[in-house]
Amino acid sequence: ADLTIFGSLENPDPLVARQGRYDVVVVLEGPPRPVVVRRKDRVLGVWINLDSETFENVPVSYSVATTRPLQDIAEPAKYKQLSLGAQNLYLKPADETDSPATIEEFT
């Protein structure tokens, strides 16, 4: 499949345009669905599912295409703010009363 992206810049800086420093980031995200993440642990010599966390809004698929490497386009804090990149996606826990440390273990 081919995907064609069209766009335009409003009031572009001529110097930046000549240098080709405008970047494009395209994110293709599948529909969200609930996902259960499980942690296995060894109990009496047998591996079992011990703990789990359910996240409500995990995309079925996630792809990013950029004109340059993502880390060269903006500061890392901006990626977190925009949920840009798989490691920066906001995963909403089903049980929001879980501690941040517990949620962090499963993400």
Protein backbone atom coordinates (compact mmCIF):
# COMPACT_ATOMS: atom_id res chain seq x y z
CA ALA A 1 0.00 0.00 0.00
CA ASP A 2 1.13 3.53 -0.70
CA LEU A 3 0.41 6.54 1.47
CA THR A 4 0.78 10.03 0.03
CA ILE A 5 1.01 12.99 2.39
CA PHE A 6 0.27 16.55 1.26
CA GLY A 7 0.80 19.68 3.29
CA SER A 8 1.89 23.28 3.29
CA LEU A 9 3.69 25.73 5.53
CA GLU A 10 2.19 29.03 6.58
CA ASN A 11 4.75 31.85 6.72
CA PRO A 12 7.83 29.67 6.23
CA ASP A 13 11.22 31.11 7.05
CA PRO A 14 13.01 31.41 3.66
CA LEU A 15 16.43 30.58 5.15
CA VAL A 16 15.17 27.44 6.86
CA ALA A 17 13.31 26.40 3.71
CA ARG A 18 16.44 26.80 1.55
CA GLN A 19 18.43 24.70 4.01
CA GLY A 20 15.77 21.98 3.94
CA ARG A 21 15.42 22.01 7.73
CA TYR A 22 11.66 21.63 7.95
CA ASP A 23 10.79 18.18 9.23
CA VAL A 24 7.75 16.00 8.77
CA VAL A 25 6.62 13.38 11.27
CA VAL A 26 3.83 11.01 10.24
CA VAL A 27 2.25 8.69 12.81
CA LEU A 28 -0.01 5.85 11.76
CA GLU A 29 -1.88 4.49 14.76
CA GLY A 30 -4.36 1.61 14.73
CA PRO A 31 -7.58 1.66 16.75
CA PRO A 32 -7.12 1.46 20.53
CA ARG A 33 -8.12 -1.60 22.51
CA PRO A 34 -7.65 -2.90 26.05
CA VAL A 35 -4.53 -5.00 26.65
CA VAL A 36 -3.56 -7.06 29.68
CA VAL A 37 0.16 -7.14 30.48
CA ARG A 38 1.21 -10.01 32.72
CA ARG A 39 4.33 -10.56 34.78
CA LYS A 40 5.48 -14.14 35.21
CA ASP A 41 7.31 -15.32 38.28
CA ARG A 42 8.73 -18.61 39.41
CA VAL A 43 6.75 -20.23 42.24
CA LEU A 44 7.86 -23.63 43.54
CA GLY A 45 9.81 -24.23 40.32
CA VAL A 46 6.90 -23.39 38.02
CA TRP A 47 6.53 -20.17 36.01
CA ILE A 48 3.08 -18.68 36.55
CA ASN A 49 1.32 -15.39 35.81
CA LEU A 50 1.66 -13.62 39.12
CA ASP A 51 0.67 -9.98 38.52
CA SER A 52 -1.09 -8.14 35.72
CA GLU A 53 -2.06 -4.65 34.67
CA THR A 54 -4.77 -3.76 32.15
CA PHE A 55 -4.34 -0.74 29.90
CA GLU A 56 -7.42 0.64 28.14
CA ASN A 57 -6.10 2.51 25.12
CA VAL A 58 -3.27 0.52 23.51
CA PRO A 59 -3.16 0.98 19.72
CA VAL A 60 -3.39 -2.24 17.72
CA SER A 61 -0.53 -1.00 15.54
CA TYR A 62 1.82 1.97 15.68
CA SER A 63 4.24 3.28 13.04
CA VAL A 64 6.28 6.48 12.78
CA ALA A 65 7.90 7.87 9.64
CA THR A 66 10.13 10.95 9.75
CA THR A 67 12.30 13.00 7.42
CA ARG A 68 15.21 12.71 9.87
CA PRO A 69 15.92 10.54 12.93
CA LEU A 70 13.26 11.35 15.52
CA GLN A 71 15.82 12.25 18.20
CA ASP A 72 17.24 14.95 15.88
CA ILE A 73 13.91 16.73 15.35
CA ALA A 74 12.91 17.96 18.83
CA GLU A 75 13.72 17.72 22.53
CA PRO A 76 12.75 14.48 24.35
CA ALA A 77 10.25 16.32 26.58
CA LYS A 78 8.28 17.29 23.46
CA TYR A 79 7.92 13.62 22.43
CA LYS A 80 6.47 12.75 25.84
CA GLN A 81 4.08 15.72 25.63
CA LEU A 82 2.88 14.65 22.16
CA SER A 83 2.96 10.87 22.89
CA LEU A 84 5.29 10.59 19.90
CA GLY A 85 7.18 7.33 19.56
CA ALA A 86 6.23 3.94 21.02
CA GLN A 87 8.15 4.54 24.25
CA ASN A 88 6.25 7.81 24.83
CA LEU A 89 2.70 6.59 24.31
CA TYR A 90 0.35 7.33 27.17
CA LEU A 91 -1.12 4.01 28.28
CA LYS A 92 -4.17 4.60 30.46
CA PRO A 93 -4.42 2.02 33.24
CA ALA A 94 -7.88 0.52 33.72
CA ASP A 95 -7.44 0.79 37.49
CA GLU A 96 -6.30 4.36 38.03
CA THR A 97 -5.91 3.73 41.77
CA ASP A 98 -2.76 1.67 41.11
CA SER A 99 0.41 3.37 42.24
CA PRO A 100 2.61 5.06 39.61
CA ALA A 101 5.41 2.62 40.52
CA THR A 102 3.16 -0.36 39.78
CA ILE A 103 2.06 1.12 36.46
CA GLU A 104 5.68 1.89 35.54
CA GLU A 105 6.61 -1.79 36.09
CA PHE A 106 4.24 -2.84 33.33
CA THR A 107 5.06 -0.17 30.73
